[in-house]
Amino acid sequence: VQLVESGGGLVQAGGSLRLSCEASGFDFAEYGIGWFRQAPGKGREGVGCITLNDGATHEADSVKGRFTISRDAAKNMVYLQMNNLKPEDTAVYYCTATVNRVVAGFLLTLRFKEDTKMKADDYDYWGQGTQVTVST
């Protein structure tokens, strides 16, 4: 399994970036993708996730309405569109993968427990990360 992120960079507050994750080495439809981020001195935070077979998505409350996750199955690509960026979005962003049932199970749990958080330990494969810096 290989995950390669791209699209990070420096942007002013209010601006937009689109991160891309190129996935290879596994059956796209059998996996799910999660996006995590880690700011300096802080722990990893789940940003959102997507099931690759049917495209069901979740975005964390901290980014909901601003970030959108999508996939292009034909290209084995997953995207994180980030709009209205804020300085607190500054972090290294990671594309991660796990078997689809883990992501599907998490999405189901959200229906009954809305404050459920993504767990980094649930994701077996991680990309190298891409830096996003939002200036004031």
C-alpha atoms as a PDB file:
ATOM      1  CA  VAL A   1       0.000   0.000   0.000  1.00  0.00           C
ATOM      2  CA  GLN A   2       1.345   3.392  -0.963  1.00  0.00           C
ATOM      3  CA  LEU A   3      -0.189   6.780  -0.280  1.00  0.00           C
ATOM      4  CA  VAL A   4       1.312   9.947  -1.712  1.00  0.00           C
ATOM      5  CA  GLU A   5      -0.038  13.354  -0.717  1.00  0.00           C
ATOM      6  CA  SER A   6       0.401  16.544  -2.667  1.00  0.00           C
ATOM      7  CA  GLY A   7      -1.053  20.027  -2.816  1.00  0.00           C
ATOM      8  CA  GLY A   8       0.095  21.544   0.446  1.00  0.00           C
ATOM      9  CA  GLY A   9       1.608  24.992   0.675  1.00  0.00           C
ATOM     10  CA  LEU A  10       1.328  28.494   2.073  1.00  0.00           C
ATOM     11  CA  VAL A  11      -1.966  30.350   1.774  1.00  0.00           C
ATOM     12  CA  GLN A  12      -3.511  33.422   3.342  1.00  0.00           C
ATOM     13  CA  ALA A  13      -6.419  33.130   5.729  1.00  0.00           C
ATOM     14  CA  GLY A  14      -9.651  32.820   3.806  1.00  0.00           C
ATOM     15  CA  GLY A  15      -7.944  31.096   0.920  1.00  0.00           C
ATOM     16  CA  SER A  16      -8.296  27.567  -0.447  1.00  0.00           C
ATOM     17  CA  LEU A  17      -6.139  24.553  -1.120  1.00  0.00           C
ATOM     18  CA  ARG A  18      -6.881  21.096  -2.495  1.00  0.00           C
ATOM     19  CA  LEU A  19      -4.862  18.201  -1.168  1.00  0.00           C
ATOM     20  CA  SER A  20      -4.569  15.075  -3.292  1.00  0.00           C
ATOM     21  CA  CYS A  21      -3.817  11.529  -2.199  1.00  0.00           C
ATOM     22  CA  GLU A  22      -2.708   9.034  -4.809  1.00  0.00           C
ATOM     23  CA  ALA A  23      -3.386   5.508  -3.575  1.00  0.00           C
ATOM     24  CA  SER A  24      -1.800   2.349  -4.948  1.00  0.00           C
ATOM     25  CA  GLY A  25      -1.080  -1.241  -4.009  1.00  0.00           C
ATOM     26  CA  PHE A  26      -4.554  -2.239  -2.923  1.00  0.00           C
ATOM     27  CA  ASP A  27      -8.070  -2.781  -4.213  1.00  0.00           C
ATOM     28  CA  PHE A  28      -9.501   0.736  -4.076  1.00  0.00           C
ATOM     29  CA  ALA A  29     -13.048  -0.442  -3.363  1.00  0.00           C
ATOM     30  CA  GLU A  30     -12.052  -2.481  -0.318  1.00  0.00           C
ATOM     31  CA  TYR A  31     -10.485   0.368   1.605  1.00  0.00           C
ATOM     32  CA  GLY A  32     -11.372   3.631   3.236  1.00  0.00           C
ATOM     33  CA  ILE A  33      -9.288   6.775   3.467  1.00  0.00           C
ATOM     34  CA  GLY A  34      -8.874   9.106   6.395  1.00  0.00           C
ATOM     35  CA  TRP A  35      -7.298  12.527   6.521  1.00  0.00           C
ATOM     36  CA  PHE A  36      -5.486  13.477   9.714  1.00  0.00           C
ATOM     37  CA  ARG A  37      -3.513  16.539  10.639  1.00  0.00           C
ATOM     38  CA  GLN A  38      -0.931  17.351  13.261  1.00  0.00           C
ATOM     39  CA  ALA A  39      -0.050  20.856  14.313  1.00  0.00           C
ATOM     40  CA  PRO A  40       3.237  21.638  16.110  1.00  0.00           C
ATOM     41  CA  GLY A  41       3.079  20.505  19.723  1.00  0.00           C
ATOM     42  CA  LYS A  42      -0.329  18.885  19.308  1.00  0.00           C
ATOM     43  CA  GLY A  43      -1.640  15.379  18.784  1.00  0.00           C
ATOM     44  CA  ARG A  44      -3.056  13.985  15.579  1.00  0.00           C
ATOM     45  CA  GLU A  45      -6.577  15.136  14.747  1.00  0.00           C
ATOM     46  CA  GLY A  46      -8.935  13.322  12.413  1.00  0.00           C
ATOM     47  CA  VAL A  47     -10.165  15.731   9.751  1.00  0.00           C
ATOM     48  CA  GLY A  48     -12.461  13.401   7.858  1.00  0.00           C
ATOM     49  CA  CYS A  49     -12.837  10.084   6.117  1.00  0.00           C
ATOM     50  CA  ILE A  50     -14.430   8.435   3.096  1.00  0.00           C
ATOM     51  CA  THR A  51     -15.429   4.928   2.134  1.00  0.00           C
ATOM     52  CA  LEU A  52     -13.954   4.234  -1.294  1.00  0.00           C
ATOM     53  CA  ASN A  53     -16.656   1.822  -2.462  1.00  0.00           C
ATOM     54  CA  ASP A  54     -19.619   4.172  -2.149  1.00  0.00           C
ATOM     55  CA  GLY A  55     -18.100   7.529  -1.255  1.00  0.00           C
ATOM     56  CA  ALA A  56     -19.772   8.030   2.128  1.00  0.00           C
ATOM     57  CA  THR A  57     -17.979  10.821   3.956  1.00  0.00           C
ATOM     58  CA  HIS A  58     -17.494  12.425   7.325  1.00  0.00           C
ATOM     59  CA  GLU A  59     -15.863  15.735   8.153  1.00  0.00           C
ATOM     60  CA  ALA A  60     -14.917  16.685  11.695  1.00  0.00           C
ATOM     61  CA  ASP A  61     -16.835  19.486  13.391  1.00  0.00           C
ATOM     62  CA  SER A  62     -13.741  21.704  13.337  1.00  0.00           C
ATOM     63  CA  VAL A  63     -13.760  21.744   9.525  1.00  0.00           C
ATOM     64  CA  LYS A  64     -17.369  21.005   8.651  1.00  0.00           C
ATOM     65  CA  GLY A  65     -18.732  23.392   6.061  1.00  0.00           C
ATOM     66  CA  ARG A  66     -15.212  24.341   4.986  1.00  0.00           C
ATOM     67  CA  PHE A  67     -13.525  21.055   4.043  1.00  0.00           C
ATOM     68  CA  THR A  68     -14.876  18.420   1.662  1.00  0.00           C
ATOM     69  CA  ILE A  69     -13.568  14.936   0.972  1.00  0.00           C
ATOM     70  CA  SER A  70     -14.111  13.271  -2.389  1.00  0.00           C
ATOM     71  CA  ARG A  71     -12.717  10.448  -4.498  1.00  0.00           C
ATOM     72  CA  ASP A  72     -12.078   9.602  -8.126  1.00  0.00           C
ATOM     73  CA  ALA A  73     -12.175   5.826  -8.311  1.00  0.00           C
ATOM     74  CA  ALA A  74     -11.034   5.769 -11.937  1.00  0.00           C
ATOM     75  CA  LYS A  75      -7.814   7.517 -10.949  1.00  0.00           C
ATOM     76  CA  ASN A  76      -7.377   5.958  -7.480  1.00  0.00           C
ATOM     77  CA  MET A  77      -7.334   9.459  -6.055  1.00  0.00           C
ATOM     78  CA  VAL A  78      -8.818  11.010  -2.927  1.00  0.00           C
ATOM     79  CA  TYR A  79      -9.085  14.747  -2.423  1.00  0.00           C
ATOM     80  CA  LEU A  80      -9.432  17.110   0.511  1.00  0.00           C
ATOM     81  CA  GLN A  81     -10.816  20.444  -0.655  1.00  0.00           C
ATOM     82  CA  MET A  82     -10.125  23.083   1.979  1.00  0.00           C
ATOM     83  CA  ASN A  83     -11.921  26.432   1.757  1.00  0.00           C
ATOM     84  CA  ASN A  84     -11.982  29.464   4.040  1.00  0.00           C
ATOM     85  CA  LEU A  85      -8.746  28.352   5.641  1.00  0.00           C
ATOM     86  CA  LYS A  86      -7.855  29.675   9.074  1.00  0.00           C
ATOM     87  CA  PRO A  87      -4.474  29.998  10.805  1.00  0.00           C
ATOM     88  CA  GLU A  88      -5.503  27.188  13.165  1.00  0.00           C
ATOM     89  CA  ASP A  89      -5.671  24.858  10.151  1.00  0.00           C
ATOM     90  CA  THR A  90      -1.877  25.064   9.914  1.00  0.00           C
ATOM     91  CA  ALA A  91      -0.541  21.520  10.248  1.00  0.00           C
ATOM     92  CA  VAL A  92       0.993  18.574   8.461  1.00  0.00           C
ATOM     93  CA  TYR A  93      -1.827  16.726   6.723  1.00  0.00           C
ATOM     94  CA  TYR A  94      -1.695  12.962   6.293  1.00  0.00           C
ATOM     95  CA  CYS A  95      -3.594  10.648   3.993  1.00  0.00           C
ATOM     96  CA  THR A  96      -4.231   7.308   5.656  1.00  0.00           C
ATOM     97  CA  ALA A  97      -5.883   4.026   4.685  1.00  0.00           C
ATOM     98  CA  THR A  98      -7.667   1.194   6.409  1.00  0.00           C
ATOM     99  CA  VAL A  99     -10.059  -1.554   5.396  1.00  0.00           C
ATOM    100  CA  ASN A 100     -13.441  -0.236   4.332  1.00  0.00           C
ATOM    101  CA  ARG A 101     -15.370  -1.896   7.158  1.00  0.00           C
ATOM    102  CA  VAL A 102     -13.501   0.196   9.731  1.00  0.00           C
ATOM    103  CA  VAL A 103     -14.568   3.454   8.095  1.00  0.00           C
ATOM    104  CA  ALA A 104     -18.097   2.145   7.473  1.00  0.00           C
ATOM    105  CA  GLY A 105     -18.325   1.099  11.113  1.00  0.00           C
ATOM    106  CA  PHE A 106     -17.190   4.525  12.261  1.00  0.00           C
ATOM    107  CA  LEU A 107     -19.805   6.237  10.074  1.00  0.00           C
ATOM    108  CA  LEU A 108     -22.484   3.967  11.510  1.00  0.00           C
ATOM    109  CA  THR A 109     -21.370   4.740  15.062  1.00  0.00           C
ATOM    110  CA  LEU A 110     -21.712   8.467  14.317  1.00  0.00           C
ATOM    111  CA  ARG A 111     -25.432   7.984  13.766  1.00  0.00           C
ATOM    112  CA  PHE A 112     -25.831   7.030  17.412  1.00  0.00           C
ATOM    113  CA  LYS A 113     -22.957   8.928  19.021  1.00  0.00           C
ATOM    114  CA  GLU A 114     -22.303  12.184  17.197  1.00  0.00           C
ATOM    115  CA  ASP A 115     -19.223  13.110  19.233  1.00  0.00           C
ATOM    116  CA  THR A 116     -17.304   9.999  18.184  1.00  0.00           C
ATOM    117  CA  LYS A 117     -13.806  10.918  17.020  1.00  0.00           C
ATOM    118  CA  MET A 118     -11.642   9.327  14.384  1.00  0.00           C
ATOM    119  CA  LYS A 119      -8.826   7.243  15.845  1.00  0.00           C
ATOM    120  CA  ALA A 120      -5.387   7.315  14.274  1.00  0.00           C
ATOM    121  CA  ASP A 121      -4.776   3.753  15.457  1.00  0.00           C
ATOM    122  CA  ASP A 122      -7.604   2.522  13.217  1.00  0.00           C
ATOM    123  CA  TYR A 123      -5.607   3.439  10.107  1.00  0.00           C
ATOM    124  CA  ASP A 124      -2.850   1.038   9.085  1.00  0.00           C
ATOM    125  CA  TYR A 125      -1.181   2.940   6.266  1.00  0.00           C
ATOM    126  CA  TRP A 126       0.057   6.523   6.258  1.00  0.00           C
ATOM    127  CA  GLY A 127       1.454   8.828   3.637  1.00  0.00           C
ATOM    128  CA  GLN A 128       4.484  11.020   4.235  1.00  0.00           C
ATOM    129  CA  GLY A 129       2.385  14.097   4.961  1.00  0.00           C
ATOM    130  CA  THR A 130       2.141  17.492   3.329  1.00  0.00           C
ATOM    131  CA  GLN A 131       2.550  20.832   5.091  1.00  0.00           C
ATOM    132  CA  VAL A 132      -0.290  23.356   5.042  1.00  0.00           C
ATOM    133  CA  THR A 133       0.491  26.796   6.423  1.00  0.00           C
ATOM    134  CA  VAL A 134      -2.182  29.473   6.732  1.00  0.00           C
ATOM    135  CA  SER A 135      -0.969  33.006   7.335  1.00  0.00           C
ATOM    136  CA  THR A 136      -2.946  35.855   8.879  1.00  0.00           C
END
